[in-house]
């Protein structure tokens, strides 16, 4: 036997369970303490293979702590790579050691658990690639081109759109399902499942909101909320985070709050129908009362007031939908419709000031009514014609403006005595500001116009969540 029977029973039934459970709740120091105590108390009776196995478990605790701190992500402008202190290499060395222990050990428990921990370590390496790809979402277009052209970095990652990252996460969930199923690793398995499920639903919610899928977005956000609450509440029972929650968990909460705020803004006119007054003004009033500095609805209202706009509009490009756009809000799954053409392909999904009170819409026409009544009274038909023609004619491209291209368009209509500022937020979402006429000089050339341009670019970046993905490079904060 490799280990005395009495102590083996203790290790199997107590230490490994406690170790795995502590990692489940991200209590890395406690997990390491459990293993180190076991090594110290039983060093005289532990065989070399048991000792090597427990040492590997102790190392895993340290690596997991670094992983959840996000400290392994670093930008080398503009290439995203991994620190040379090299958590990636540490995980690989740990994997090699676990494989050696598995081959050398005659103890079934050690061999079996070591093999499954090898799978877990590989899953961690794959997830590190995912987070590095997400961090690249904050790169400017010219940085993305430079990063794609550079090939010399040892751990450089292919820059991917969020759609591809979602597929990667889904593949990871399927690939590693049941790969570390040993009862002694139940805590680790649950932790991995929680993390990947939360990440998948966050990215899925982001994509659904960008395509204005009302119900699907809400369900994904609800799933994230449930899992975050359960994970954090269970961890709180153990008083695990005296210094605050791990950075990755903090980032999950920040991204969730951003998506919830974006959902509220994009579907403001639909959600307003559930308010006591049934009008969008109620949603605006509630946002002003919350005084949340990160609330996108509040940010847009503040932008409107700072810039003395006549009207602020969010315009959705429905012409590139894979499925025909059926209206703004909920509609029955499987409902078919014709693809919108002309101005119907660019519905206004939010307007400030809000539209005048409209008669209640029937349930069947609620989405269409919300969309058609979104345009505020300050933006007239002539304004909308000017804006929609510009949005439709601009060659923004599927990935946004190309390197060096201005992200904001200024133009004026002398006949209507109006000026317009249109900003690119995302491939299918534009912000349009209607302004009083700025005079005969070229629109966008004055100092006041340039200040407005900076504010529009800033809001568009906030709406797209670029800064949130960049937070991964700074520890999620």
Protein backbone atom coordinates (compact mmCIF):
# COMPACT_ATOMS: atom_id res chain seq x y z
CA UNK A 1 0.00 0.00 0.00
CA UNK A 2 1.20 3.51 -0.73
CA UNK A 3 -0.38 5.00 2.37
CA UNK A 4 -1.44 3.88 5.85
CA UNK A 5 -5.09 2.80 5.88
CA UNK A 6 -6.18 5.12 8.69
CA UNK A 7 -4.73 8.28 7.16
CA UNK A 8 -5.84 7.22 3.67
CA UNK A 9 -9.42 7.15 4.92
CA UNK A 10 -8.98 10.68 6.28
CA UNK A 11 -7.49 11.99 3.04
CA UNK A 12 -10.19 10.41 0.89
CA UNK A 13 -13.19 11.45 2.95
CA UNK A 14 -12.13 14.73 4.46
CA UNK A 15 -9.19 16.57 2.96
CA UNK A 16 -9.99 16.13 -0.74
CA UNK A 17 -13.66 16.95 -0.20
CA UNK A 18 -12.80 20.09 1.77
CA UNK A 19 -10.15 21.08 -0.76
CA UNK A 20 -12.55 20.77 -3.69
CA UNK A 21 -15.36 22.54 -1.83
CA UNK A 22 -13.08 25.45 -0.90
CA UNK A 23 -12.08 25.88 -4.55
CA UNK A 24 -15.74 25.80 -5.53
CA UNK A 25 -16.35 28.91 -3.44
CA UNK A 26 -13.09 30.54 -4.57
CA UNK A 27 -11.50 30.24 -1.13
CA UNK A 28 -8.03 29.56 -2.51
CA UNK A 29 -6.03 30.19 0.67
CA UNK A 30 -8.27 27.85 2.65
CA UNK A 31 -7.92 25.11 0.03
CA UNK A 32 -4.13 25.47 0.06
CA UNK A 33 -4.12 25.42 3.87
CA UNK A 34 -6.05 22.12 3.89
CA UNK A 35 -3.56 20.43 1.56
CA UNK A 36 -0.46 21.90 3.20
CA UNK A 37 -1.71 20.79 6.62
CA UNK A 38 -2.25 17.28 5.28
CA UNK A 39 1.28 17.23 3.88
CA UNK A 40 2.77 18.45 7.15
CA UNK A 41 0.85 16.12 9.46
CA UNK A 42 1.44 12.96 7.42
CA UNK A 43 4.86 13.53 5.87
CA UNK A 44 6.30 10.50 7.65
CA UNK A 45 3.79 8.06 6.16
CA UNK A 46 3.10 9.60 2.75
CA UNK A 47 4.58 7.78 -0.22
CA UNK A 48 6.43 9.84 -2.86
CA UNK A 49 3.46 9.63 -5.24
CA UNK A 50 0.95 10.78 -2.61
CA UNK A 51 3.30 13.60 -1.66
CA UNK A 52 3.67 14.63 -5.31
CA UNK A 53 -0.09 14.49 -5.79
CA UNK A 54 -0.81 16.69 -2.76
CA UNK A 55 1.94 19.11 -3.78
CA UNK A 56 0.26 19.40 -7.19
CA UNK A 57 -3.07 20.15 -5.47
CA UNK A 58 -1.36 22.85 -3.42
CA UNK A 59 0.09 24.40 -6.58
CA UNK A 60 -3.34 24.29 -8.20
CA UNK A 61 -4.70 26.51 -5.40
CA UNK A 62 -2.07 29.16 -6.13
CA UNK A 63 -2.69 29.00 -9.87
CA UNK A 64 -6.45 29.28 -9.39
CA UNK A 65 -5.99 32.37 -7.25
CA UNK A 66 -3.96 34.01 -10.03
CA UNK A 67 -6.47 32.87 -12.64
CA UNK A 68 -9.43 34.49 -10.86
CA UNK A 69 -7.45 37.67 -10.21
CA UNK A 70 -7.05 38.10 -14.01
CA UNK A 71 -3.45 39.12 -13.35
CA UNK A 72 -2.27 36.86 -16.16
CA UNK A 73 -3.73 39.16 -18.82
CA UNK A 74 -1.49 41.92 -20.05
CA UNK A 75 -1.48 44.18 -23.10
CA UNK A 76 1.64 44.65 -25.15
CA UNK A 77 0.21 47.26 -27.36
CA UNK A 78 -1.48 46.08 -29.36
CA UNK A 79 -0.90 42.35 -28.81
CA UNK A 80 -2.63 40.49 -26.02
CA UNK A 81 -0.47 37.85 -24.47
CA UNK A 82 0.28 36.26 -21.12
CA UNK A 83 2.76 37.46 -18.55
CA UNK A 84 6.22 35.95 -18.63
CA UNK A 85 5.75 35.16 -14.93
CA UNK A 86 3.62 32.85 -16.91
CA UNK A 87 0.56 31.37 -15.40
CA UNK A 88 0.03 29.52 -18.66
CA UNK A 89 3.40 27.81 -18.38
CA UNK A 90 2.74 27.07 -14.70
CA UNK A 91 -0.50 25.31 -15.60
CA UNK A 92 1.32 23.30 -18.28
CA UNK A 93 4.02 22.22 -15.83
CA UNK A 94 1.31 21.25 -13.36
CA UNK A 95 -0.42 19.18 -16.03
CA UNK A 96 2.84 17.38 -16.83
CA UNK A 97 3.41 16.64 -13.14
CA UNK A 98 -0.12 15.26 -12.70
CA UNK A 99 0.36 13.02 -15.73
CA UNK A 100 3.63 11.72 -14.27
CA UNK A 101 1.95 11.02 -10.90
CA UNK A 102 -0.91 9.22 -12.62
CA UNK A 103 1.45 6.93 -14.51
CA UNK A 104 3.67 6.21 -11.50
CA UNK A 105 1.04 5.67 -8.83
CA UNK A 106 -0.48 2.30 -7.99
CA UNK A 107 -3.18 3.97 -5.86
CA UNK A 108 -6.39 4.04 -7.88
CA UNK A 109 -7.63 7.25 -6.23
CA UNK A 110 -4.45 9.18 -7.01
CA UNK A 111 -4.30 7.96 -10.61
CA UNK A 112 -7.97 8.60 -11.34
CA UNK A 113 -8.15 12.05 -9.73
CA UNK A 114 -4.85 13.10 -11.31
CA UNK A 115 -6.14 12.22 -14.79
CA UNK A 116 -9.25 14.30 -14.24
CA UNK A 117 -7.27 17.24 -12.86
CA UNK A 118 -5.23 17.14 -16.08
CA UNK A 119 -8.50 17.70 -17.97
CA UNK A 120 -9.40 20.54 -15.60
CA UNK A 121 -6.04 22.24 -16.14
CA UNK A 122 -6.50 22.02 -19.93
CA UNK A 123 -9.95 23.56 -19.52
CA UNK A 124 -8.34 26.44 -17.65
CA UNK A 125 -5.84 27.00 -20.47
CA UNK A 126 -8.69 27.08 -22.99
CA UNK A 127 -10.64 29.57 -20.88
CA UNK A 128 -7.58 31.80 -20.61
CA UNK A 129 -7.65 32.00 -24.42
CA UNK A 130 -11.32 32.98 -24.26
CA UNK A 131 -10.73 35.84 -21.82
CA UNK A 132 -7.76 37.09 -23.84
CA UNK A 133 -9.99 37.10 -26.95
CA UNK A 134 -12.63 39.07 -25.03
CA UNK A 135 -10.02 41.56 -23.83
CA UNK A 136 -9.15 42.22 -27.47
CA UNK A 137 -12.70 43.56 -28.00
CA UNK A 138 -11.54 46.87 -26.50
CA UNK A 139 -8.86 47.39 -29.15
CA UNK A 140 -9.25 50.23 -31.61
CA UNK A 141 -9.63 49.15 -35.26
CA UNK A 142 -6.04 50.15 -36.17
CA UNK A 143 -4.73 48.17 -33.17
CA UNK A 144 -6.70 45.14 -34.31
CA UNK A 145 -5.11 45.31 -37.75
CA UNK A 146 -1.62 45.56 -36.24
CA UNK A 147 -2.32 42.67 -33.88
CA UNK A 148 -3.59 40.46 -36.67
CA UNK A 149 -0.51 41.27 -38.78
CA UNK A 150 1.97 40.50 -35.99
CA UNK A 151 2.93 36.85 -35.66
CA UNK A 152 5.98 36.85 -33.43
CA UNK A 153 4.25 36.68 -30.01
CA UNK A 154 4.45 33.17 -28.50
CA UNK A 155 0.94 33.23 -27.05
CA UNK A 156 -0.75 35.64 -29.43
CA UNK A 157 -4.44 34.95 -29.89
CA UNK A 158 -6.50 35.34 -33.04
CA UNK A 159 -8.77 38.33 -32.61
CA UNK A 160 -12.35 37.14 -32.79
CA UNK A 161 -15.79 38.66 -32.87
CA UNK A 162 -18.00 38.01 -29.86
CA UNK A 163 -20.10 35.62 -31.94
CA UNK A 164 -17.07 33.38 -32.41
CA UNK A 165 -16.17 33.66 -28.73
CA UNK A 166 -19.68 32.50 -27.78
CA UNK A 167 -19.20 29.43 -29.97
CA UNK A 168 -15.84 28.77 -28.32
CA UNK A 169 -17.41 28.86 -24.86
CA UNK A 170 -20.23 26.58 -25.96
CA UNK A 171 -17.69 24.11 -27.38
CA UNK A 172 -15.74 24.20 -24.11
CA UNK A 173 -18.88 23.43 -22.14
CA UNK A 174 -19.57 20.40 -24.32
CA UNK A 175 -15.95 19.22 -24.49
CA UNK A 176 -15.38 19.16 -20.74
CA UNK A 177 -18.83 18.07 -19.62
CA UNK A 178 -18.27 15.13 -17.27
CA UNK A 179 -14.49 15.15 -17.75
CA UNK A 180 -13.81 15.76 -14.02
CA UNK A 181 -16.73 13.88 -12.51
CA UNK A 182 -15.05 12.12 -9.57
CA UNK A 183 -17.01 12.73 -6.33
CA UNK A 184 -13.88 14.19 -4.73
CA UNK A 185 -13.81 16.84 -7.47
CA UNK A 186 -17.51 17.71 -7.26
CA UNK A 187 -16.75 21.22 -6.00
CA UNK A 188 -14.27 21.92 -8.79
CA UNK A 189 -16.67 20.55 -11.40
CA UNK A 190 -19.53 22.72 -10.09
CA UNK A 191 -17.30 25.81 -10.05
CA UNK A 192 -16.27 25.23 -13.68
CA UNK A 193 -19.89 24.72 -14.69
CA UNK A 194 -20.99 27.91 -12.90
CA UNK A 195 -18.25 29.97 -14.52
CA UNK A 196 -18.81 28.74 -18.07
CA UNK A 197 -22.61 28.95 -17.80
CA UNK A 198 -22.42 32.54 -16.52
CA UNK A 199 -19.95 33.52 -19.24
CA UNK A 200 -22.01 31.84 -21.95
CA UNK A 201 -25.27 33.50 -20.89
CA UNK A 202 -23.59 36.91 -20.55
CA UNK A 203 -22.19 36.73 -24.08
CA UNK A 204 -25.44 35.28 -25.38
CA UNK A 205 -27.42 38.10 -23.76
CA UNK A 206 -25.08 40.63 -25.37
CA UNK A 207 -25.67 39.15 -28.81
CA UNK A 208 -29.42 38.90 -28.29
CA UNK A 209 -29.68 42.52 -27.17
CA UNK A 210 -27.65 43.64 -30.19
CA UNK A 211 -30.22 41.88 -32.40
CA UNK A 212 -33.15 43.28 -30.38
CA UNK A 213 -34.49 39.88 -29.31
CA UNK A 214 -36.61 40.97 -26.37
CA UNK A 215 -37.59 37.66 -24.76
CA UNK A 216 -34.34 35.77 -25.45
CA UNK A 217 -32.29 38.63 -23.97
CA UNK A 218 -34.43 38.71 -20.86
CA UNK A 219 -34.16 34.94 -20.32
CA UNK A 220 -30.36 35.00 -20.66
CA UNK A 221 -30.06 37.89 -18.20
CA UNK A 222 -32.37 36.08 -15.79
CA UNK A 223 -30.19 32.96 -15.96
CA UNK A 224 -27.05 35.00 -15.23
CA UNK A 225 -28.72 36.73 -12.29
CA UNK A 226 -29.81 33.44 -10.74
CA UNK A 227 -26.37 31.83 -11.03
CA UNK A 228 -24.50 34.89 -9.75
CA UNK A 229 -26.79 35.20 -6.74
CA UNK A 230 -26.48 31.51 -5.82
CA UNK A 231 -22.70 31.45 -6.30
CA UNK A 232 -22.12 34.62 -4.28
CA UNK A 233 -24.61 33.76 -1.52
CA UNK A 234 -23.08 30.34 -0.98
CA UNK A 235 -19.60 31.80 -0.87
CA UNK A 236 -20.74 34.50 1.57
CA UNK A 237 -21.90 31.84 4.05
CA UNK A 238 -18.28 30.78 4.40
CA UNK A 239 -17.10 34.39 4.88
CA UNK A 240 -14.62 33.80 2.13
CA UNK A 241 -13.91 37.23 0.73
CA UNK A 242 -12.76 39.59 3.44
CA UNK A 243 -10.84 41.61 0.88
CA UNK A 244 -13.66 41.59 -1.67
CA UNK A 245 -14.76 39.14 -4.31
CA UNK A 246 -12.27 37.80 -6.87
CA UNK A 247 -11.74 40.04 -9.87
CA UNK A 248 -13.32 37.67 -12.37
CA UNK A 249 -16.52 37.47 -10.32
CA UNK A 250 -16.47 41.25 -9.98
CA UNK A 251 -16.16 41.54 -13.78
CA UNK A 252 -19.12 39.20 -14.25
CA UNK A 253 -21.22 41.52 -12.07
CA UNK A 254 -20.06 44.61 -13.96
CA UNK A 255 -20.83 43.09 -17.35
CA UNK A 256 -24.23 41.89 -16.13
CA UNK A 257 -25.09 45.39 -14.83
CA UNK A 258 -24.03 46.91 -18.15
CA UNK A 259 -26.15 44.48 -20.18
CA UNK A 260 -29.15 45.04 -17.92
CA UNK A 261 -28.74 48.79 -18.38
CA UNK A 262 -28.39 48.38 -22.16
CA UNK A 263 -31.47 46.14 -22.25
CA UNK A 264 -33.45 48.80 -20.36
CA UNK A 265 -32.34 51.51 -22.80
CA UNK A 266 -32.96 49.51 -25.97
CA UNK A 267 -36.39 48.30 -24.83
CA UNK A 268 -37.37 51.39 -22.86
CA UNK A 269 -40.55 52.01 -24.86
CA UNK A 270 -41.61 48.36 -24.47
CA UNK A 271 -40.86 48.20 -20.74
CA UNK A 272 -42.66 51.51 -20.25
CA UNK A 273 -45.94 49.81 -21.13
CA UNK A 274 -45.62 47.90 -17.84
CA UNK A 275 -45.16 51.09 -15.78
CA UNK A 276 -48.13 52.63 -13.90
CA UNK A 277 -48.59 55.37 -16.50
CA UNK A 278 -47.78 53.15 -19.47
CA UNK A 279 -45.57 55.90 -20.88
CA UNK A 280 -41.84 56.25 -21.50
CA UNK A 281 -41.75 59.37 -19.33
CA UNK A 282 -42.21 57.08 -16.33
CA UNK A 283 -39.06 55.11 -17.24
CA UNK A 284 -37.10 58.35 -17.60
CA UNK A 285 -38.34 59.58 -14.22
CA UNK A 286 -37.33 56.29 -12.56
CA UNK A 287 -33.84 56.51 -14.11
CA UNK A 288 -33.41 60.04 -12.80
CA UNK A 289 -34.45 58.92 -9.32
CA UNK A 290 -31.96 56.01 -9.28
CA UNK A 291 -29.01 58.37 -9.85
CA UNK A 292 -26.88 55.45 -11.05
CA UNK A 293 -23.78 56.93 -12.75
CA UNK A 294 -23.42 53.80 -14.92
CA UNK A 295 -27.04 53.76 -16.12
CA UNK A 296 -27.03 54.13 -19.91
CA UNK A 297 -30.50 55.68 -20.03
CA UNK A 298 -29.37 58.32 -17.57
CA UNK A 299 -26.11 58.85 -19.47
CA UNK A 300 -27.98 59.48 -22.72
CA UNK A 301 -30.33 61.94 -21.03
CA UNK A 302 -27.34 63.77 -19.53
CA UNK A 303 -25.64 63.84 -22.95
CA UNK A 304 -28.81 65.30 -24.44
CA UNK A 305 -28.95 68.06 -21.83
CA UNK A 306 -25.23 68.89 -21.95
CA UNK A 307 -25.25 69.32 -25.71
CA UNK A 308 -28.53 71.26 -25.95
CA UNK A 309 -29.93 68.79 -28.47
CA UNK A 310 -33.37 69.13 -29.95
CA UNK A 311 -33.71 65.32 -30.00
CA UNK A 312 -31.56 62.27 -29.26
CA UNK A 313 -32.34 59.04 -31.12
CA UNK A 314 -31.11 55.45 -31.14
CA UNK A 315 -31.56 53.86 -34.56
CA UNK A 316 -31.43 50.14 -35.25
CA UNK A 317 -30.32 48.72 -38.60
CA UNK A 318 -32.77 45.87 -39.23
CA UNK A 319 -31.75 45.32 -42.84
CA UNK A 320 -29.01 42.82 -41.97
CA UNK A 321 -31.10 40.62 -39.68
CA UNK A 322 -30.75 36.89 -40.32
CA UNK A 323 -34.46 36.71 -39.53
CA UNK A 324 -36.97 39.36 -40.63
CA UNK A 325 -37.43 42.16 -38.08
CA UNK A 326 -40.98 41.86 -36.73
CA UNK A 327 -41.13 44.89 -34.47
CA UNK A 328 -39.74 46.27 -31.25
CA UNK A 329 -40.56 43.99 -28.33
CA UNK A 330 -42.06 40.56 -27.77
CA UNK A 331 -43.57 38.47 -30.53
CA UNK A 332 -44.59 34.83 -30.68
CA UNK A 333 -41.75 32.39 -31.44
CA UNK A 334 -41.96 31.08 -34.99
CA UNK A 335 -43.93 34.09 -36.21
CA UNK A 336 -42.90 34.90 -39.78
CA UNK A 337 -42.92 38.25 -41.51
CA UNK A 338 -41.52 40.13 -44.47
CA UNK A 339 -38.08 41.69 -44.35
CA UNK A 340 -38.40 45.46 -43.78
CA UNK A 341 -37.43 47.75 -46.64
CA UNK A 342 -36.78 51.46 -46.95
CA UNK A 343 -37.15 53.52 -43.81
CA UNK A 344 -38.86 50.59 -42.07
CA UNK A 345 -35.46 48.91 -42.06
CA UNK A 346 -34.11 51.59 -39.69
CA UNK A 347 -36.56 51.85 -36.78
CA UNK A 348 -35.97 54.36 -33.98
CA UNK A 349 -35.90 52.30 -30.79
CA UNK A 350 -35.41 55.16 -28.33
CA UNK A 351 -36.01 58.89 -28.46
CA UNK A 352 -35.53 61.72 -26.00
CA UNK A 353 -37.60 63.75 -25.34
CA UNK A 354 -40.15 60.90 -25.27
CA UNK A 355 -43.02 60.81 -27.72
CA UNK A 356 -46.37 62.26 -26.79
CA UNK A 357 -48.89 59.94 -25.18
CA UNK A 358 -50.25 57.43 -27.63
CA UNK A 359 -53.43 55.34 -27.38
CA UNK A 360 -52.91 51.86 -25.85
CA UNK A 361 -51.77 49.31 -28.41
CA UNK A 362 -53.26 45.86 -28.73
CA UNK A 363 -51.14 42.94 -27.55
CA UNK A 364 -50.53 41.83 -31.13
CA UNK A 365 -49.37 45.27 -32.23
CA UNK A 366 -47.51 46.24 -29.05
CA UNK A 367 -44.04 45.84 -30.54
CA UNK A 368 -44.82 47.74 -33.72
CA UNK A 369 -46.61 50.49 -31.79
CA UNK A 370 -43.68 50.92 -29.42
CA UNK A 371 -41.35 51.26 -32.39
CA UNK A 372 -43.49 53.69 -34.35
CA UNK A 373 -44.13 55.92 -31.33
CA UNK A 374 -40.49 56.04 -30.30
CA UNK A 375 -39.64 59.18 -32.25
CA UNK A 376 -39.95 62.25 -30.06
CA UNK A 377 -42.03 65.22 -31.17
CA UNK A 378 -38.88 67.34 -31.59
CA UNK A 379 -37.66 65.22 -34.55
CA UNK A 380 -39.86 65.87 -37.55
CA UNK A 381 -40.25 63.90 -40.80
CA UNK A 382 -37.62 66.02 -42.53
CA UNK A 383 -35.14 65.31 -39.74
CA UNK A 384 -35.78 61.58 -39.97
CA UNK A 385 -35.32 61.61 -43.74
CA UNK A 386 -31.93 63.31 -43.39
CA UNK A 387 -30.80 60.97 -40.62
CA UNK A 388 -31.96 57.71 -42.19
CA UNK A 389 -30.49 58.56 -45.58
CA UNK A 390 -27.12 59.20 -43.93
CA UNK A 391 -27.23 56.05 -41.79
CA UNK A 392 -28.24 53.91 -44.76
CA UNK A 393 -25.63 55.37 -47.12
CA UNK A 394 -22.63 55.29 -44.78
CA UNK A 395 -20.30 52.33 -45.36
CA UNK A 396 -19.66 51.57 -41.69
CA UNK A 397 -18.80 47.93 -42.36
CA UNK A 398 -19.62 44.90 -40.25
CA UNK A 399 -16.80 45.55 -37.80
CA UNK A 400 -17.17 49.30 -37.42
CA UNK A 401 -15.23 52.15 -38.97
CA UNK A 402 -11.90 51.19 -40.45
CA UNK A 403 -8.59 52.32 -38.99
CA UNK A 404 -8.34 56.10 -38.88
CA UNK A 405 -11.94 56.65 -40.01
CA UNK A 406 -13.99 59.22 -38.10
CA UNK A 407 -16.67 57.61 -35.98
CA UNK A 408 -19.00 60.61 -36.09
CA UNK A 409 -20.77 62.28 -39.01
CA UNK A 410 -21.75 65.98 -38.96
CA UNK A 411 -23.95 67.62 -41.56
CA UNK A 412 -26.52 70.39 -41.80
CA UNK A 413 -29.73 71.17 -43.63
CA UNK A 414 -29.96 74.90 -44.29
CA UNK A 415 -33.57 74.66 -45.40
CA UNK A 416 -34.73 72.96 -42.19
CA UNK A 417 -32.28 75.03 -40.12
CA UNK A 418 -31.00 71.85 -38.48
CA UNK A 419 -27.62 70.23 -37.86
CA UNK A 420 -27.08 66.55 -37.20
CA UNK A 421 -24.46 64.47 -35.45
CA UNK A 422 -24.57 60.71 -36.07
CA UNK A 423 -22.32 58.36 -34.16
CA UNK A 424 -21.53 54.71 -34.76
CA UNK A 425 -22.22 52.66 -31.61
CA UNK A 426 -22.20 49.10 -32.94
CA UNK A 427 -22.59 47.47 -36.37
CA UNK A 428 -26.37 47.82 -36.17
CA UNK A 429 -26.91 50.62 -33.68
CA UNK A 430 -26.45 54.35 -34.29
CA UNK A 431 -26.86 57.41 -32.11
CA UNK A 432 -28.30 60.47 -33.85
CA UNK A 433 -28.47 63.94 -32.30
CA UNK A 434 -30.69 66.61 -33.83
CA UNK A 435 -29.32 70.11 -33.18
CA UNK A 436 -30.24 73.67 -33.89
CA UNK A 437 -28.54 74.94 -37.04
CA UNK A 438 -24.79 75.44 -36.43
CA UNK A 439 -24.37 78.20 -39.01
CA UNK A 440 -22.89 78.27 -42.48
CA UNK A 441 -19.45 76.91 -41.54
CA UNK A 442 -18.70 73.28 -42.21
CA UNK A 443 -20.45 71.13 -39.60
CA UNK A 444 -18.05 69.45 -37.21
CA UNK A 445 -15.24 72.00 -37.76
CA UNK A 446 -15.79 74.26 -34.74
CA UNK A 447 -14.40 73.68 -31.26
CA UNK A 448 -17.93 73.19 -29.96
CA UNK A 449 -18.59 70.53 -32.60
CA UNK A 450 -15.38 68.71 -31.78
CA UNK A 451 -16.31 68.67 -28.10
CA UNK A 452 -19.69 67.22 -29.05
CA UNK A 453 -17.96 64.62 -31.22
CA UNK A 454 -15.84 63.46 -28.29
CA UNK A 455 -18.92 63.07 -26.10
CA UNK A 456 -20.76 61.10 -28.77
CA UNK A 457 -17.78 58.78 -29.30
CA UNK A 458 -17.53 58.27 -25.54
CA UNK A 459 -21.19 57.35 -25.21
CA UNK A 460 -21.05 55.01 -28.21
CA UNK A 461 -18.07 53.21 -26.65
CA UNK A 462 -19.94 52.90 -23.35
CA UNK A 463 -22.99 51.53 -25.12
CA UNK A 464 -20.86 48.94 -26.92
CA UNK A 465 -19.18 47.99 -23.64
CA UNK A 466 -15.64 48.44 -25.00
CA UNK A 467 -14.33 49.59 -21.64
CA UNK A 468 -15.80 46.57 -19.88
CA UNK A 469 -13.85 44.15 -22.05
CA UNK A 470 -10.76 46.28 -21.56
CA UNK A 471 -11.25 45.87 -17.79
CA UNK A 472 -10.08 42.28 -18.17
CA UNK A 473 -6.57 43.67 -18.74
CA UNK A 474 -6.68 45.66 -15.50
CA UNK A 475 -7.94 42.99 -13.14
CA UNK A 476 -11.64 43.43 -13.92
CA UNK A 477 -11.82 46.85 -12.24
